[in-house]
N, C-alpha and C. Protein backbone atom coordinates (compact mmCIF):
# COMPACT_ATOMS: atom_id res chain seq x y z
N UNK A 1 -13.43 4.18 -74.51
CA UNK A 1 -14.37 4.70 -73.44
C UNK A 1 -15.65 5.09 -73.99
N UNK A 2 -16.70 4.98 -73.14
CA UNK A 2 -18.02 5.43 -73.72
C UNK A 2 -18.32 6.83 -73.31
N UNK A 3 -19.30 7.31 -74.08
CA UNK A 3 -19.72 8.83 -73.71
C UNK A 3 -20.20 9.02 -72.45
N UNK A 4 -20.78 8.14 -71.63
CA UNK A 4 -21.27 8.29 -70.38
C UNK A 4 -20.20 8.48 -69.34
N UNK A 5 -19.03 7.86 -69.51
CA UNK A 5 -17.86 7.88 -68.76
C UNK A 5 -17.11 9.16 -68.93
N UNK A 6 -16.98 9.52 -70.27
CA UNK A 6 -16.38 10.85 -70.67
C UNK A 6 -17.20 12.07 -70.25
N UNK A 7 -18.57 12.07 -70.23
CA UNK A 7 -19.35 13.08 -69.50
C UNK A 7 -19.28 13.20 -68.10
N UNK A 8 -19.13 12.01 -67.41
CA UNK A 8 -18.85 12.03 -65.91
C UNK A 8 -17.35 12.53 -65.45
N UNK A 9 -16.52 12.29 -66.31
CA UNK A 9 -15.11 12.79 -66.12
C UNK A 9 -15.04 14.17 -66.28
N UNK A 10 -15.69 14.74 -67.52
CA UNK A 10 -15.72 16.06 -67.73
C UNK A 10 -16.38 16.74 -66.51
N UNK A 11 -17.59 16.34 -66.25
CA UNK A 11 -18.43 16.89 -65.14
C UNK A 11 -17.56 16.93 -63.85
N UNK A 12 -16.89 16.10 -63.55
CA UNK A 12 -16.30 16.10 -62.17
C UNK A 12 -15.06 17.11 -62.30
N UNK A 13 -14.47 17.03 -63.47
CA UNK A 13 -13.10 17.93 -63.65
C UNK A 13 -13.74 19.60 -63.75
N UNK A 14 -14.91 19.75 -64.35
CA UNK A 14 -15.63 21.13 -64.20
C UNK A 14 -16.03 21.33 -62.75
N UNK A 15 -16.41 20.44 -61.97
CA UNK A 15 -16.86 20.74 -60.59
C UNK A 15 -15.39 20.93 -59.85
N UNK A 16 -14.55 20.18 -59.90
CA UNK A 16 -13.25 20.50 -59.20
C UNK A 16 -12.60 21.87 -59.56
N UNK A 17 -12.69 22.23 -60.91
CA UNK A 17 -12.10 23.35 -61.33
C UNK A 17 -12.83 24.51 -60.66
N UNK A 18 -14.21 24.64 -60.91
CA UNK A 18 -15.05 25.57 -60.44
C UNK A 18 -15.01 25.70 -58.80
N UNK A 19 -14.80 24.56 -58.14
CA UNK A 19 -14.48 24.68 -56.72
C UNK A 19 -13.25 25.29 -56.27
N UNK A 20 -12.11 24.98 -57.08
CA UNK A 20 -10.88 25.44 -56.69
C UNK A 20 -10.87 26.94 -57.05
N UNK A 21 -11.43 27.39 -58.21
CA UNK A 21 -11.54 29.06 -58.58
C UNK A 21 -12.26 29.51 -57.46
N UNK A 22 -13.46 29.09 -57.04
CA UNK A 22 -14.14 29.81 -56.17
C UNK A 22 -13.52 29.87 -54.92
N UNK A 23 -12.75 28.79 -54.31
CA UNK A 23 -12.28 28.90 -53.17
C UNK A 23 -10.76 29.66 -53.17
N UNK A 24 -10.37 30.01 -54.29
CA UNK A 24 -9.01 30.70 -54.59
C UNK A 24 -9.35 32.17 -54.65
N UNK A 25 -10.59 32.62 -54.91
CA UNK A 25 -10.87 34.11 -55.06
C UNK A 25 -11.27 34.67 -53.87
N UNK A 26 -10.52 35.69 -53.37
CA UNK A 26 -10.74 36.17 -52.08
C UNK A 26 -12.08 36.86 -51.89
N UNK A 27 -12.49 36.78 -50.68
CA UNK A 27 -13.85 37.33 -50.31
C UNK A 27 -13.80 38.81 -50.23
N UNK A 28 -15.06 39.53 -50.18
CA UNK A 28 -14.90 40.96 -50.09
C UNK A 28 -14.00 41.41 -49.06
N UNK A 29 -14.20 40.90 -47.82
CA UNK A 29 -13.46 41.49 -46.64
C UNK A 29 -12.04 41.22 -46.75
N UNK A 30 -11.53 40.14 -47.35
CA UNK A 30 -10.17 39.80 -47.79
C UNK A 30 -9.62 40.84 -48.61
N UNK A 31 -10.34 41.26 -49.67
CA UNK A 31 -9.74 42.21 -50.58
C UNK A 31 -9.78 43.57 -49.88
N UNK A 32 -10.75 43.99 -49.07
CA UNK A 32 -10.67 45.24 -48.39
C UNK A 32 -9.42 45.23 -47.31
N UNK A 33 -9.20 44.17 -46.67
CA UNK A 33 -8.03 44.11 -46.03
C UNK A 33 -6.59 44.21 -46.66
N UNK A 34 -6.69 43.65 -47.77
CA UNK A 34 -5.47 43.77 -48.66
C UNK A 34 -5.15 45.17 -49.34
N UNK A 35 -6.29 45.91 -49.64
CA UNK A 35 -6.26 47.24 -50.21
C UNK A 35 -5.76 48.26 -49.03
N UNK A 36 -6.18 47.96 -47.87
CA UNK A 36 -5.95 48.78 -46.46
C UNK A 36 -4.31 48.52 -46.26
N UNK A 37 -3.97 47.30 -46.40
CA UNK A 37 -2.61 47.04 -46.23
C UNK A 37 -1.60 47.71 -47.21
N UNK A 38 -2.05 47.46 -48.48
CA UNK A 38 -1.32 48.28 -49.64
C UNK A 38 -1.37 49.60 -49.35
N UNK A 39 -2.34 50.30 -49.01
CA UNK A 39 -2.48 51.76 -48.85
C UNK A 39 -1.51 52.32 -47.62
N UNK A 40 -1.42 51.46 -46.57
CA UNK A 40 -0.50 51.77 -45.44
C UNK A 40 0.75 51.61 -45.79
N UNK A 41 1.15 50.75 -46.73
CA UNK A 41 2.56 50.31 -47.05
C UNK A 41 2.95 51.65 -47.90
N UNK A 42 2.01 52.04 -49.08
CA UNK A 42 2.27 53.07 -50.01
C UNK A 42 2.50 54.25 -49.12
N UNK A 43 1.72 54.56 -48.27
CA UNK A 43 1.91 55.94 -47.32
C UNK A 43 3.29 55.81 -46.66
N UNK A 44 3.48 54.69 -46.14
CA UNK A 44 4.87 54.63 -45.43
C UNK A 44 5.92 54.72 -46.35
N UNK A 45 6.11 54.34 -47.54
CA UNK A 45 6.92 54.41 -48.61
C UNK A 45 7.10 55.99 -48.95
N UNK A 46 5.85 56.52 -49.15
CA UNK A 46 5.88 57.99 -49.61
C UNK A 46 6.67 58.81 -48.53
N UNK A 47 6.32 58.52 -47.18
CA UNK A 47 6.78 59.50 -46.00
C UNK A 47 8.22 59.15 -46.11
N UNK A 48 8.79 57.89 -46.46
CA UNK A 48 10.36 57.70 -46.42
C UNK A 48 10.95 58.61 -47.56
N UNK A 49 10.43 58.54 -48.73
CA UNK A 49 10.98 59.39 -49.75
C UNK A 49 10.72 60.76 -49.87
N UNK A 50 9.60 61.32 -49.30
CA UNK A 50 9.31 62.52 -49.30
C UNK A 50 8.75 62.88 -47.93
N UNK A 51 9.65 63.12 -46.74
CA UNK A 51 8.95 63.43 -45.40
C UNK A 51 8.00 64.50 -45.24
N UNK A 52 8.06 65.41 -46.10
CA UNK A 52 7.06 66.66 -46.14
C UNK A 52 5.63 66.30 -46.42
N UNK A 53 5.54 65.18 -47.08
CA UNK A 53 4.20 64.55 -47.44
C UNK A 53 3.31 64.14 -46.29
N UNK A 54 3.83 63.71 -45.28
CA UNK A 54 3.07 63.34 -44.09
C UNK A 54 2.15 64.49 -43.66
N UNK A 55 2.79 65.55 -43.33
CA UNK A 55 1.96 66.79 -43.19
C UNK A 55 1.08 67.25 -44.04
N UNK A 56 1.31 67.14 -45.30
CA UNK A 56 0.53 67.58 -46.37
C UNK A 56 -0.84 66.58 -46.20
N UNK A 57 -0.60 65.10 -46.08
CA UNK A 57 -1.73 64.16 -46.15
C UNK A 57 -2.46 64.24 -44.85
N UNK A 58 -1.73 64.50 -43.79
CA UNK A 58 -2.42 64.48 -42.44
C UNK A 58 -3.43 65.82 -42.26
N UNK A 59 -3.01 66.76 -42.91
CA UNK A 59 -3.71 68.10 -42.76
C UNK A 59 -4.86 68.29 -44.00
N UNK A 60 -5.01 67.38 -44.88
CA UNK A 60 -5.85 67.42 -46.01
C UNK A 60 -7.12 66.99 -45.48
N UNK A 61 -8.13 67.29 -46.48
CA UNK A 61 -9.55 66.93 -46.14
C UNK A 61 -9.79 65.36 -46.40
N UNK A 62 -8.92 64.95 -47.05
CA UNK A 62 -8.92 63.47 -47.49
C UNK A 62 -7.82 63.15 -48.41
N UNK A 63 -7.69 61.80 -48.59
CA UNK A 63 -6.76 61.29 -49.58
C UNK A 63 -7.15 60.00 -50.02
N UNK A 64 -6.54 59.69 -51.22
CA UNK A 64 -6.87 58.28 -51.76
C UNK A 64 -5.60 57.75 -52.30
N UNK A 65 -5.61 56.46 -52.08
CA UNK A 65 -4.14 55.70 -52.41
C UNK A 65 -4.46 54.59 -53.30
N UNK A 66 -3.81 54.43 -54.65
CA UNK A 66 -3.94 53.51 -55.36
C UNK A 66 -2.74 52.62 -55.82
N UNK A 67 -2.83 51.46 -55.90
CA UNK A 67 -1.83 50.54 -56.65
C UNK A 67 -2.21 50.15 -58.06
N UNK A 68 -1.38 50.50 -58.89
CA UNK A 68 -1.59 50.27 -60.36
C UNK A 68 -0.61 49.36 -61.10
N UNK A 69 -1.07 48.56 -61.91
CA UNK A 69 -0.18 47.73 -62.90
C UNK A 69 -0.62 47.90 -64.23
N UNK A 70 0.23 48.16 -65.08
CA UNK A 70 -0.12 48.32 -66.43
C UNK A 70 1.01 47.61 -67.55
N UNK A 71 0.66 47.47 -68.72
CA UNK A 71 1.43 47.00 -69.71
C UNK A 71 1.22 47.62 -71.11
N UNK A 72 2.37 47.75 -71.79
CA UNK A 72 2.30 48.35 -73.03
C UNK A 72 3.02 47.54 -74.12
N UNK A 73 2.41 47.03 -75.23
CA UNK A 73 2.95 46.44 -76.26
C UNK A 73 2.66 47.04 -77.49
N UNK A 74 3.86 47.55 -78.18
CA UNK A 74 3.73 48.35 -79.41
C UNK A 74 2.87 49.43 -79.40
N UNK A 75 1.58 49.34 -79.94
CA UNK A 75 0.85 50.67 -80.11
C UNK A 75 -0.26 50.94 -79.05
N UNK A 76 -0.53 49.90 -78.22
CA UNK A 76 -1.54 50.05 -77.33
C UNK A 76 -1.13 49.53 -75.87
N UNK A 77 -1.87 49.90 -74.98
CA UNK A 77 -1.57 49.45 -73.50
C UNK A 77 -2.68 49.52 -72.65
N UNK A 78 -2.52 49.19 -71.51
CA UNK A 78 -3.41 49.42 -70.56
C UNK A 78 -3.13 49.04 -69.12
N UNK A 79 -4.05 49.31 -68.04
CA UNK A 79 -3.66 48.87 -66.74
C UNK A 79 -4.98 49.05 -65.95
N UNK A 80 -4.73 48.31 -64.76
CA UNK A 80 -5.90 48.20 -63.80
C UNK A 80 -5.32 48.43 -62.48
N UNK A 81 -6.15 48.85 -61.39
CA UNK A 81 -5.84 48.76 -60.17
C UNK A 81 -6.94 48.96 -59.12
N UNK A 82 -6.46 49.28 -57.94
CA UNK A 82 -7.56 49.30 -56.81
C UNK A 82 -6.77 50.28 -55.80
N UNK A 83 -7.97 50.75 -54.85
CA UNK A 83 -7.43 51.85 -53.90
C UNK A 83 -8.52 51.94 -53.10
N UNK A 84 -8.24 53.07 -52.08
CA UNK A 84 -9.09 53.35 -51.19
C UNK A 84 -9.02 55.06 -51.10
N UNK A 85 -10.27 55.57 -50.70
CA UNK A 85 -10.39 56.99 -50.55
C UNK A 85 -10.77 57.10 -49.17
N UNK A 86 -10.05 58.07 -48.27
CA UNK A 86 -10.40 58.21 -46.93
C UNK A 86 -10.76 59.57 -46.52
N UNK A 87 -11.83 59.92 -45.93
CA UNK A 87 -12.32 61.21 -45.57
C UNK A 87 -11.63 61.40 -44.15
N UNK A 88 -10.82 62.50 -44.17
CA UNK A 88 -10.08 62.47 -42.86
C UNK A 88 -10.82 63.03 -41.58
N UNK A 89 -12.08 63.46 -41.92
CA UNK A 89 -12.91 64.11 -40.82
C UNK A 89 -13.68 62.91 -40.21
N UNK A 90 -14.33 62.22 -41.05
CA UNK A 90 -15.38 61.02 -40.76
C UNK A 90 -14.65 59.63 -40.66
N UNK A 91 -13.29 59.60 -41.02
CA UNK A 91 -12.56 58.25 -41.20
C UNK A 91 -13.41 57.51 -42.24
N UNK A 92 -14.35 57.83 -42.90
CA UNK A 92 -14.93 56.97 -43.91
C UNK A 92 -14.13 56.36 -45.02
N UNK A 93 -14.11 55.12 -45.32
CA UNK A 93 -13.43 54.63 -46.37
C UNK A 93 -14.16 54.39 -47.52
N UNK A 94 -13.89 54.47 -48.79
CA UNK A 94 -14.47 54.16 -49.86
C UNK A 94 -13.40 53.51 -50.78
N UNK A 95 -13.91 52.17 -51.24
CA UNK A 95 -13.01 51.50 -51.88
C UNK A 95 -13.24 51.71 -53.39
N UNK A 96 -12.12 51.74 -54.15
CA UNK A 96 -12.19 52.28 -55.58
C UNK A 96 -11.43 51.45 -56.56
N UNK A 97 -11.63 51.54 -57.86
CA UNK A 97 -11.18 50.86 -58.91
C UNK A 97 -10.56 51.96 -59.75
N UNK A 98 -9.39 51.55 -60.66
CA UNK A 98 -8.88 52.32 -61.70
C UNK A 98 -8.76 51.61 -63.11
N UNK A 99 -8.84 52.32 -64.15
CA UNK A 99 -8.58 51.48 -65.34
C UNK A 99 -7.76 52.77 -66.23
N UNK A 100 -6.79 52.30 -67.08
CA UNK A 100 -6.29 52.89 -67.69
C UNK A 100 -5.90 52.52 -69.20
N UNK A 101 -6.02 53.43 -70.19
CA UNK A 101 -5.66 53.19 -71.60
C UNK A 101 -4.57 54.02 -72.16
N UNK A 102 -3.72 53.42 -72.80
CA UNK A 102 -2.44 53.93 -73.52
C UNK A 102 -2.55 53.82 -74.94
N UNK A 103 -2.02 54.86 -75.56
CA UNK A 103 -1.76 54.76 -77.05
C UNK A 103 -0.37 55.33 -77.34
N UNK A 104 0.12 54.80 -78.49
CA UNK A 104 1.53 55.21 -78.78
C UNK A 104 2.58 54.08 -78.68
N UNK A 105 3.74 54.36 -79.45
CA UNK A 105 4.62 53.34 -79.56
C UNK A 105 5.37 53.15 -78.16
N UNK A 106 5.53 51.93 -77.88
CA UNK A 106 6.29 51.57 -76.81
C UNK A 106 6.18 50.04 -76.17
N UNK A 107 7.07 49.62 -75.16
CA UNK A 107 6.76 48.28 -74.75
C UNK A 107 7.15 48.52 -73.04
N UNK A 108 6.83 47.57 -72.32
CA UNK A 108 7.03 47.62 -71.10
C UNK A 108 5.92 47.35 -70.08
N UNK A 109 6.36 47.17 -68.79
CA UNK A 109 5.46 47.10 -67.69
C UNK A 109 5.51 47.93 -66.71
N UNK A 110 4.53 48.65 -66.19
CA UNK A 110 4.61 49.70 -65.28
C UNK A 110 3.97 49.39 -64.02
N UNK A 111 4.48 49.52 -63.00
CA UNK A 111 3.97 49.20 -61.77
C UNK A 111 4.05 50.59 -60.89
N UNK A 112 3.21 51.26 -60.46
CA UNK A 112 3.35 52.51 -59.63
C UNK A 112 2.15 52.46 -58.68
N UNK A 113 2.47 53.31 -57.72
CA UNK A 113 1.36 53.73 -56.64
C UNK A 113 0.96 55.27 -56.69
N UNK A 114 -0.21 55.48 -56.55
CA UNK A 114 -0.54 56.96 -56.47
C UNK A 114 -1.23 57.48 -55.19
N UNK A 115 -0.89 58.54 -54.84
CA UNK A 115 -1.52 59.09 -53.47
C UNK A 115 -2.05 60.54 -53.98
N UNK A 116 -3.27 60.37 -54.01
CA UNK A 116 -4.12 61.81 -54.13
C UNK A 116 -4.34 62.51 -52.90
N UNK A 117 -4.20 63.85 -52.96
CA UNK A 117 -4.28 64.56 -51.47
C UNK A 117 -5.49 65.56 -51.97
N UNK A 118 -6.56 65.60 -51.22
CA UNK A 118 -7.78 66.60 -51.57
C UNK A 118 -7.73 67.59 -50.34
N UNK A 119 -7.40 68.85 -50.81
CA UNK A 119 -7.47 69.92 -49.75
C UNK A 119 -8.70 70.27 -49.30
N UNK A 120 -9.92 70.19 -50.11
CA UNK A 120 -11.07 70.40 -49.84
C UNK A 120 -12.16 69.31 -49.95
N UNK A 121 -12.95 69.21 -48.99
CA UNK A 121 -13.82 68.13 -48.88
C UNK A 121 -14.82 67.87 -50.07
N UNK A 122 -15.12 69.24 -50.75
CA UNK A 122 -15.87 69.20 -51.91
C UNK A 122 -15.30 68.23 -53.13
N UNK A 123 -13.80 68.29 -53.21
CA UNK A 123 -13.02 67.86 -54.19
C UNK A 123 -13.14 66.23 -53.99
N UNK A 124 -12.91 65.90 -52.56
CA UNK A 124 -12.89 64.44 -52.24
C UNK A 124 -14.25 63.90 -52.43
N UNK A 125 -15.29 64.60 -52.16
CA UNK A 125 -16.64 63.99 -52.26
C UNK A 125 -17.06 63.82 -53.78
N UNK A 126 -16.59 64.73 -54.64
CA UNK A 126 -16.86 64.58 -55.97
C UNK A 126 -16.16 63.43 -56.61
N UNK A 127 -14.75 63.38 -56.19
CA UNK A 127 -13.94 62.05 -56.74
C UNK A 127 -14.63 60.63 -56.27
N UNK A 128 -15.38 60.64 -55.22
CA UNK A 128 -15.67 59.46 -54.67
C UNK A 128 -17.04 59.15 -55.33
N UNK A 129 -17.82 60.31 -55.47
CA UNK A 129 -18.99 60.12 -56.05
C UNK A 129 -19.17 60.09 -57.75
N UNK A 130 -18.50 60.78 -58.23
CA UNK A 130 -18.32 60.89 -59.73
C UNK A 130 -17.16 60.07 -60.26
N UNK A 131 -16.12 59.86 -59.62
CA UNK A 131 -14.98 59.32 -59.92
C UNK A 131 -14.20 60.41 -60.77
N UNK A 132 -13.26 60.18 -61.32
CA UNK A 132 -12.29 61.05 -61.92
C UNK A 132 -11.63 60.42 -63.10
N UNK A 133 -11.45 61.38 -64.22
CA UNK A 133 -10.74 60.90 -65.45
C UNK A 133 -9.71 61.89 -65.67
N UNK A 134 -8.50 61.50 -65.93
CA UNK A 134 -7.48 62.15 -66.38
C UNK A 134 -7.38 62.20 -67.86
N UNK A 135 -7.25 63.44 -68.27
CA UNK A 135 -7.24 63.83 -69.74
C UNK A 135 -6.09 64.58 -70.11
N UNK A 136 -5.81 64.91 -71.30
CA UNK A 136 -4.69 65.71 -71.78
C UNK A 136 -4.71 67.18 -71.13
N UNK A 137 -5.83 67.65 -70.71
CA UNK A 137 -6.00 68.82 -70.24
C UNK A 137 -5.77 68.91 -68.66
N UNK A 138 -5.03 67.70 -68.02
CA UNK A 138 -4.76 67.89 -66.73
C UNK A 138 -3.55 68.90 -66.59
N UNK A 139 -3.62 69.80 -65.35
CA UNK A 139 -2.80 70.68 -65.37
C UNK A 139 -1.67 70.26 -64.34
N UNK A 140 -0.36 70.68 -64.43
CA UNK A 140 0.66 70.06 -63.42
C UNK A 140 1.32 71.29 -62.96
N UNK A 141 1.64 71.41 -61.71
CA UNK A 141 2.28 72.46 -61.27
C UNK A 141 3.04 71.98 -59.83
N UNK A 142 3.81 72.82 -59.10
CA UNK A 142 4.52 72.59 -57.84
C UNK A 142 4.13 73.08 -56.71
N UNK A 143 3.64 74.24 -56.76
CA UNK A 143 3.28 74.94 -55.55
C UNK A 143 1.67 75.19 -55.75
N UNK A 144 0.92 75.35 -54.45
CA UNK A 144 -0.46 75.76 -54.35
C UNK A 144 -0.53 77.23 -54.01
N UNK A 145 -0.87 77.77 -55.15
CA UNK A 145 -0.80 79.32 -55.09
C UNK A 145 -1.97 79.90 -53.87
N UNK A 146 -3.20 79.04 -53.67
CA UNK A 146 -4.12 79.27 -52.85
C UNK A 146 -3.58 79.48 -51.22
N UNK A 147 -2.94 78.45 -50.99
CA UNK A 147 -2.62 78.32 -49.48
C UNK A 147 -1.11 78.46 -49.34
N UNK A 148 -0.41 78.65 -50.38
CA UNK A 148 1.18 78.84 -50.41
C UNK A 148 1.82 77.45 -49.97
N UNK A 149 1.21 76.31 -50.00
CA UNK A 149 1.84 75.26 -49.53
C UNK A 149 2.99 74.64 -50.63
N UNK A 150 4.06 74.43 -50.06
CA UNK A 150 4.94 73.74 -51.01
C UNK A 150 4.74 72.27 -50.95
N UNK A 151 4.09 71.64 -51.90
CA UNK A 151 3.98 70.47 -52.12
C UNK A 151 4.96 69.54 -52.80
N UNK A 152 6.12 69.66 -52.28
CA UNK A 152 7.28 69.17 -52.88
C UNK A 152 6.92 67.74 -53.43
N UNK A 153 7.30 67.37 -54.64
CA UNK A 153 7.22 66.15 -55.36
C UNK A 153 5.80 65.74 -55.75
N UNK A 154 4.84 66.43 -55.40
CA UNK A 154 3.44 66.35 -55.85
C UNK A 154 3.02 67.25 -56.90
N UNK A 155 2.10 66.80 -57.87
CA UNK A 155 1.75 67.29 -58.89
C UNK A 155 0.16 67.56 -58.82
N UNK A 156 -0.24 69.01 -59.13
CA UNK A 156 -1.54 69.53 -59.22
C UNK A 156 -2.17 69.00 -60.46
N UNK A 157 -3.35 68.09 -60.11
CA UNK A 157 -4.05 67.53 -61.23
C UNK A 157 -5.55 68.33 -61.45
N UNK A 158 -5.90 69.08 -60.53
CA UNK A 158 -7.00 69.84 -60.59
C UNK A 158 -7.02 70.88 -59.48
N UNK A 159 -7.87 71.91 -59.34
CA UNK A 159 -7.87 72.70 -58.23
C UNK A 159 -8.06 72.09 -56.90
N UNK A 160 -7.09 72.20 -55.98
CA UNK A 160 -7.13 71.65 -54.65
C UNK A 160 -6.75 69.90 -54.56
N UNK A 161 -6.43 69.53 -55.70
CA UNK A 161 -6.17 67.99 -55.70
C UNK A 161 -4.72 68.14 -56.25
N UNK A 162 -4.00 67.18 -55.48
CA UNK A 162 -2.68 66.81 -55.71
C UNK A 162 -2.27 65.44 -55.77
N UNK A 163 -1.33 64.96 -56.40
CA UNK A 163 -0.91 63.58 -56.46
C UNK A 163 0.43 63.32 -56.45
N UNK A 164 0.90 62.31 -55.70
CA UNK A 164 2.28 61.85 -55.63
C UNK A 164 2.15 60.50 -56.28
N UNK A 165 3.22 60.26 -57.10
CA UNK A 165 3.23 59.04 -57.85
C UNK A 165 4.65 58.28 -57.41
N UNK A 166 4.60 57.03 -57.01
CA UNK A 166 5.74 56.53 -56.63
C UNK A 166 5.73 55.14 -57.31
N UNK A 167 7.20 54.93 -57.74
CA UNK A 167 7.51 53.66 -58.41
C UNK A 167 8.54 52.78 -57.52
N UNK A 168 9.04 51.89 -57.80
CA UNK A 168 9.98 51.21 -57.18
C UNK A 168 11.30 51.92 -56.99
N UNK A 169 11.45 53.05 -57.97
CA UNK A 169 12.68 53.66 -58.07
C UNK A 169 12.53 54.83 -57.34
N UNK A 170 11.42 55.24 -56.72
CA UNK A 170 11.13 56.38 -55.79
C UNK A 170 9.96 57.30 -56.44
N UNK A 171 10.13 58.45 -56.07
CA UNK A 171 9.12 59.47 -56.38
C UNK A 171 9.28 59.95 -57.68
N UNK A 172 8.14 59.88 -58.60
CA UNK A 172 8.12 60.28 -59.98
C UNK A 172 7.90 61.88 -60.05
N UNK A 173 8.62 62.60 -60.84
CA UNK A 173 8.36 64.04 -60.72
C UNK A 173 7.33 64.50 -61.94
N UNK A 174 6.83 63.71 -62.59
CA UNK A 174 5.66 63.92 -63.72
C UNK A 174 4.68 62.78 -63.54
N UNK A 175 3.51 62.99 -63.60
CA UNK A 175 2.56 61.96 -63.33
C UNK A 175 1.96 61.51 -64.75
N UNK A 176 1.88 60.16 -64.85
CA UNK A 176 1.48 59.57 -66.16
C UNK A 176 -0.01 59.13 -65.84
N UNK A 177 -0.98 60.11 -65.62
CA UNK A 177 -2.30 59.80 -65.23
C UNK A 177 -3.32 59.89 -66.59
N UNK A 178 -2.57 60.37 -67.76
CA UNK A 178 -3.47 60.56 -68.92
C UNK A 178 -4.20 59.11 -69.41
N UNK A 179 -5.40 59.26 -69.52
CA UNK A 179 -6.09 58.33 -70.07
C UNK A 179 -6.55 57.10 -68.91
N UNK A 180 -6.67 57.73 -67.58
CA UNK A 180 -7.00 56.96 -66.51
C UNK A 180 -8.22 57.39 -65.86
N UNK A 181 -9.18 56.39 -65.45
CA UNK A 181 -10.35 56.64 -64.93
C UNK A 181 -10.28 56.02 -63.66
N UNK A 182 -10.68 56.91 -62.47
CA UNK A 182 -10.79 56.22 -61.35
C UNK A 182 -12.46 56.19 -60.86
N UNK A 183 -12.81 55.30 -60.05
CA UNK A 183 -14.33 55.08 -59.90
C UNK A 183 -14.59 54.14 -58.76
N UNK A 184 -15.79 54.31 -58.17
CA UNK A 184 -16.15 53.60 -56.81
C UNK A 184 -16.22 51.94 -57.24
N UNK A 185 -15.70 51.23 -56.45
CA UNK A 185 -15.95 49.82 -56.35
C UNK A 185 -17.17 49.39 -55.61
N UNK A 186 -18.22 49.19 -56.64
CA UNK A 186 -19.43 48.83 -55.85
C UNK A 186 -19.64 47.53 -55.23
N UNK A 187 -18.56 46.56 -55.52
CA UNK A 187 -18.50 45.34 -54.94
C UNK A 187 -18.01 45.28 -53.54
N UNK A 188 -17.09 46.22 -53.16
CA UNK A 188 -16.61 46.39 -51.83
C UNK A 188 -17.18 47.51 -50.98
N UNK A 189 -17.98 48.27 -51.57
CA UNK A 189 -18.71 49.29 -50.63
C UNK A 189 -19.80 48.91 -50.19
C-alpha cells in the first residue's frame, strides 16, 4: 500500500469515528430530559422507602436530586454524577454536577442517589450559586430542633439542609458525602 492510500483510509476512519461519536453524544435537551426522569424516579423510590419524606420535600423551599456513581480501588477512588435543583416557589430548575474524591483502603463500586431538602430559600440559593462541598466538618443529626420536624431517614448536613441517601438496598442511615463537591452545570443551564 502506498502512503496516499493509507492517509485516505486513516482520514475516512477518523471521519467515521468522529461522526459516530458526535451522533452518539446526547444533546443538551436530551441530557436535561434524562436528568428530570432520573430525579422523578429517585423521588418516587424515596417516597416508597420513606413515605414521610414526601411531605418534607413538598413543604421545603426547594430540593436537589443527584444520581452518583463511584469506584474505589485500593487507596484512592472517586465518582461523578449529575442532578437538578428545584425552587419550589418559582419551579425554576437548575442543572448541576457533582464530583467525589475518596482516600483510604478499599475496593468497590458505589451507586447511590441523594435528595437534598432545603428548608430555607437562602440555603437553596447559596447551593445553586456557590455550590456546596462536603467536608469532615459536616454535621449529622436526625431531628431539626428549629422546626421540630422529624426528618426520619434524613441527615442534617448544614443548618436547614437535609439529605436522604438511597442505594439499591434502600435508605442509607449515614451519608457518605465527605469529599464531594456539588456545582452548577453551565452547559445545561
